[in-house]
């Protein structure tokens, strides 16, 4: 029986030389792979008090939406700056090659709501940290952070755990 990791394709030297890109579109495109990933990602949260699922742009929308549906919860997107139509709050963060900003609608999370943060890949943790800060600024409480893939050498898990976050991942890949 195939594991989640077996459905993920590796593309060498993308987007830059020396990077081993972990392509989850092959997992998403396979009905068994997608179901396996969603089922395994939501399993730790069945029966826990969670009010909303927040997905980070863009592949976190796919996983987060499916997990929210299966758990019977609402879904909230955290998007790149300028993509949401109503009033937002934003958070800047550092990338390996510069800075970026993500936003959330300012009414998407109510104070005291318990939130599950979801994305496909945990690398340096910059995007997830920005999402966490947005949720906390709205008064939300992070129940957990769930990722399909962890790249442990890039330190994202340590960063999030250092912020007091619970981190759940399905698989790891060595290297960048």
Protein backbone atom coordinates (compact mmCIF):
# COMPACT_ATOMS: atom_id res chain seq x y z
CA UNK A 1 0.00 0.00 0.00
CA UNK A 2 1.33 3.43 -0.96
CA UNK A 3 2.09 6.04 1.69
CA UNK A 4 1.37 9.74 1.23
CA UNK A 5 5.06 10.39 0.54
CA UNK A 6 4.94 7.96 -2.41
CA UNK A 7 2.46 10.20 -4.26
CA UNK A 8 4.70 13.30 -4.08
CA UNK A 9 6.96 13.97 -7.06
CA UNK A 10 10.40 15.54 -6.65
CA UNK A 11 11.58 17.97 -9.32
CA UNK A 12 15.32 18.77 -9.16
CA UNK A 13 16.60 22.34 -9.61
CA UNK A 14 13.20 24.06 -9.40
CA UNK A 15 12.71 26.99 -9.01
CA UNK A 16 16.50 27.41 -8.61
CA UNK A 17 19.52 25.18 -9.06
CA UNK A 18 20.13 23.03 -5.99
CA UNK A 19 16.47 23.02 -4.86
CA UNK A 20 14.59 19.72 -4.77
CA UNK A 21 10.98 20.86 -5.29
CA UNK A 22 8.40 18.62 -3.59
CA UNK A 23 5.46 18.68 -6.01
CA UNK A 24 2.19 17.75 -4.27
CA UNK A 25 0.09 18.18 -7.43
CA UNK A 26 0.73 14.52 -8.22
CA UNK A 27 -0.81 13.62 -4.86
CA UNK A 28 -3.77 15.98 -5.41
CA UNK A 29 -4.38 14.51 -8.87
CA UNK A 30 -4.67 10.96 -7.59
CA UNK A 31 -8.02 10.18 -5.88
CA UNK A 32 -6.48 7.63 -3.52
CA UNK A 33 -3.55 9.87 -2.68
CA UNK A 34 -5.74 12.90 -1.99
CA UNK A 35 -8.17 10.91 0.17
CA UNK A 36 -5.29 9.31 2.08
CA UNK A 37 -3.68 12.69 2.76
CA UNK A 38 -6.90 14.42 3.85
CA UNK A 39 -7.97 11.49 6.04
CA UNK A 40 -4.58 11.30 7.74
CA UNK A 41 -4.35 15.07 8.21
CA UNK A 42 -7.77 15.39 9.84
CA UNK A 43 -7.54 12.25 11.99
CA UNK A 44 -5.69 13.91 14.93
CA UNK A 45 -8.40 16.58 15.12
CA UNK A 46 -11.53 14.43 15.11
CA UNK A 47 -13.32 15.05 18.40
CA UNK A 48 -11.20 18.10 19.32
CA UNK A 49 -12.75 21.53 19.71
CA UNK A 50 -11.90 23.39 16.54
CA UNK A 51 -14.10 26.18 15.20
CA UNK A 52 -12.43 27.04 11.88
CA UNK A 53 -9.82 25.77 9.48
CA UNK A 54 -7.46 28.37 8.01
CA UNK A 55 -5.61 27.49 4.79
CA UNK A 56 -2.50 29.28 3.56
CA UNK A 57 -2.33 30.26 -0.11
CA UNK A 58 -2.48 28.38 -2.32
CA UNK A 59 -2.14 24.63 -1.79
CA UNK A 60 -3.32 25.06 1.79
CA UNK A 61 -6.71 25.98 0.29
CA UNK A 62 -7.03 22.53 -1.27
CA UNK A 63 -6.15 20.62 1.90
CA UNK A 64 -7.77 23.05 4.31
CA UNK A 65 -11.04 23.14 2.38
CA UNK A 66 -11.24 19.36 2.28
CA UNK A 67 -10.38 19.04 5.99
CA UNK A 68 -12.93 21.72 6.94
CA UNK A 69 -15.59 19.90 4.90
CA UNK A 70 -14.84 16.55 6.52
CA UNK A 71 -14.87 18.06 10.02
CA UNK A 72 -18.04 20.07 9.33
CA UNK A 73 -16.27 23.40 9.91
CA UNK A 74 -15.94 26.72 8.13
CA UNK A 75 -12.88 27.51 6.03
CA UNK A 76 -10.92 30.79 6.01
CA UNK A 77 -8.28 31.65 3.39
CA UNK A 78 -5.08 33.54 4.14
CA UNK A 79 -4.18 35.13 0.80
CA UNK A 80 -1.45 37.14 -0.82
CA UNK A 81 -1.82 40.90 -0.40
CA UNK A 82 -4.55 42.47 -2.51
CA UNK A 83 -6.53 39.29 -3.29
CA UNK A 84 -9.33 39.52 -0.70
CA UNK A 85 -12.30 41.78 -1.49
CA UNK A 86 -13.38 43.07 1.96
CA UNK A 87 -11.51 44.80 4.81
CA UNK A 88 -8.33 42.92 5.75
CA UNK A 89 -5.38 42.92 8.10
CA UNK A 90 -1.94 41.99 6.78
CA UNK A 91 1.33 40.52 7.97
CA UNK A 92 4.71 40.81 6.25
CA UNK A 93 7.23 37.97 6.37
CA UNK A 94 10.64 37.11 5.00
CA UNK A 95 11.23 34.64 2.20
CA UNK A 96 14.55 33.14 1.11
CA UNK A 97 14.53 35.70 -1.74
CA UNK A 98 12.83 38.76 -0.26
CA UNK A 99 9.63 39.70 1.55
CA UNK A 100 5.94 39.02 1.03
CA UNK A 101 2.67 39.88 2.74
CA UNK A 102 -0.43 37.83 3.44
CA UNK A 103 -3.87 39.01 4.49
CA UNK A 104 -7.03 37.74 6.14
CA UNK A 105 -10.48 39.33 6.27
CA UNK A 106 -10.73 41.29 9.50
CA UNK A 107 -14.00 39.53 10.42
CA UNK A 108 -12.96 35.97 9.48
CA UNK A 109 -12.02 34.81 12.99
CA UNK A 110 -13.93 35.72 16.13
CA UNK A 111 -12.15 36.22 19.48
CA UNK A 112 -11.77 32.90 21.30
CA UNK A 113 -12.30 30.69 18.25
CA UNK A 114 -10.07 27.64 18.05
CA UNK A 115 -8.28 27.42 14.70
CA UNK A 116 -6.49 24.68 12.77
CA UNK A 117 -3.87 26.16 10.41
CA UNK A 118 -3.23 24.06 7.28
CA UNK A 119 -0.69 24.17 4.45
CA UNK A 120 1.00 21.69 2.16
CA UNK A 121 4.64 22.22 3.10
CA UNK A 122 6.59 23.45 6.12
CA UNK A 123 9.97 24.86 5.10
CA UNK A 124 11.30 27.91 6.97
CA UNK A 125 7.93 28.52 8.63
CA UNK A 126 7.68 32.15 7.49
CA UNK A 127 4.26 31.90 5.85
CA UNK A 128 2.86 29.85 8.72
CA UNK A 129 4.23 32.31 11.27
CA UNK A 130 2.56 35.18 9.40
CA UNK A 131 -0.75 33.24 9.33
CA UNK A 132 -0.49 32.53 13.06
CA UNK A 133 0.11 36.21 13.82
CA UNK A 134 -2.94 37.22 11.76
CA UNK A 135 -5.18 34.70 13.53
CA UNK A 136 -3.90 35.78 16.94
CA UNK A 137 -4.40 39.48 16.10
CA UNK A 138 -8.07 38.67 15.46
CA UNK A 139 -8.30 36.91 18.84
CA UNK A 140 -8.18 33.36 17.52
CA UNK A 141 -6.37 30.58 19.34
CA UNK A 142 -4.27 28.14 17.33
CA UNK A 143 -5.28 24.56 18.16
CA UNK A 144 -2.62 23.10 15.87
CA UNK A 145 -0.68 23.56 12.63
CA UNK A 146 -0.97 20.71 10.11
CA UNK A 147 1.24 20.17 7.06
CA UNK A 148 1.56 17.45 4.47
CA UNK A 149 5.36 17.75 4.18
CA UNK A 150 8.08 18.89 6.56
CA UNK A 151 11.55 19.90 5.34
CA UNK A 152 13.28 19.64 8.73
CA UNK A 153 16.64 21.04 7.59
CA UNK A 154 14.98 24.43 6.94
CA UNK A 155 13.88 24.78 10.59
CA UNK A 156 10.19 25.61 10.21
CA UNK A 157 9.00 23.08 12.78
CA UNK A 158 11.49 24.37 15.36
CA UNK A 159 10.39 27.96 14.67
CA UNK A 160 6.68 27.16 15.14
CA UNK A 161 7.26 24.95 18.18
CA UNK A 162 9.38 27.79 19.61
CA UNK A 163 6.26 29.95 19.30
CA UNK A 164 4.39 27.37 21.41
CA UNK A 165 2.58 25.78 18.46
CA UNK A 166 1.61 22.14 18.12
CA UNK A 167 2.89 20.93 14.72
CA UNK A 168 1.64 17.87 12.87
CA UNK A 169 3.15 16.62 9.59
CA UNK A 170 2.52 13.51 7.51
CA UNK A 171 5.97 13.03 6.03
CA UNK A 172 9.48 14.50 5.79
CA UNK A 173 11.94 14.98 2.98
CA UNK A 174 15.63 15.57 3.60
CA UNK A 175 17.42 18.43 1.88
CA UNK A 176 16.20 21.71 0.49
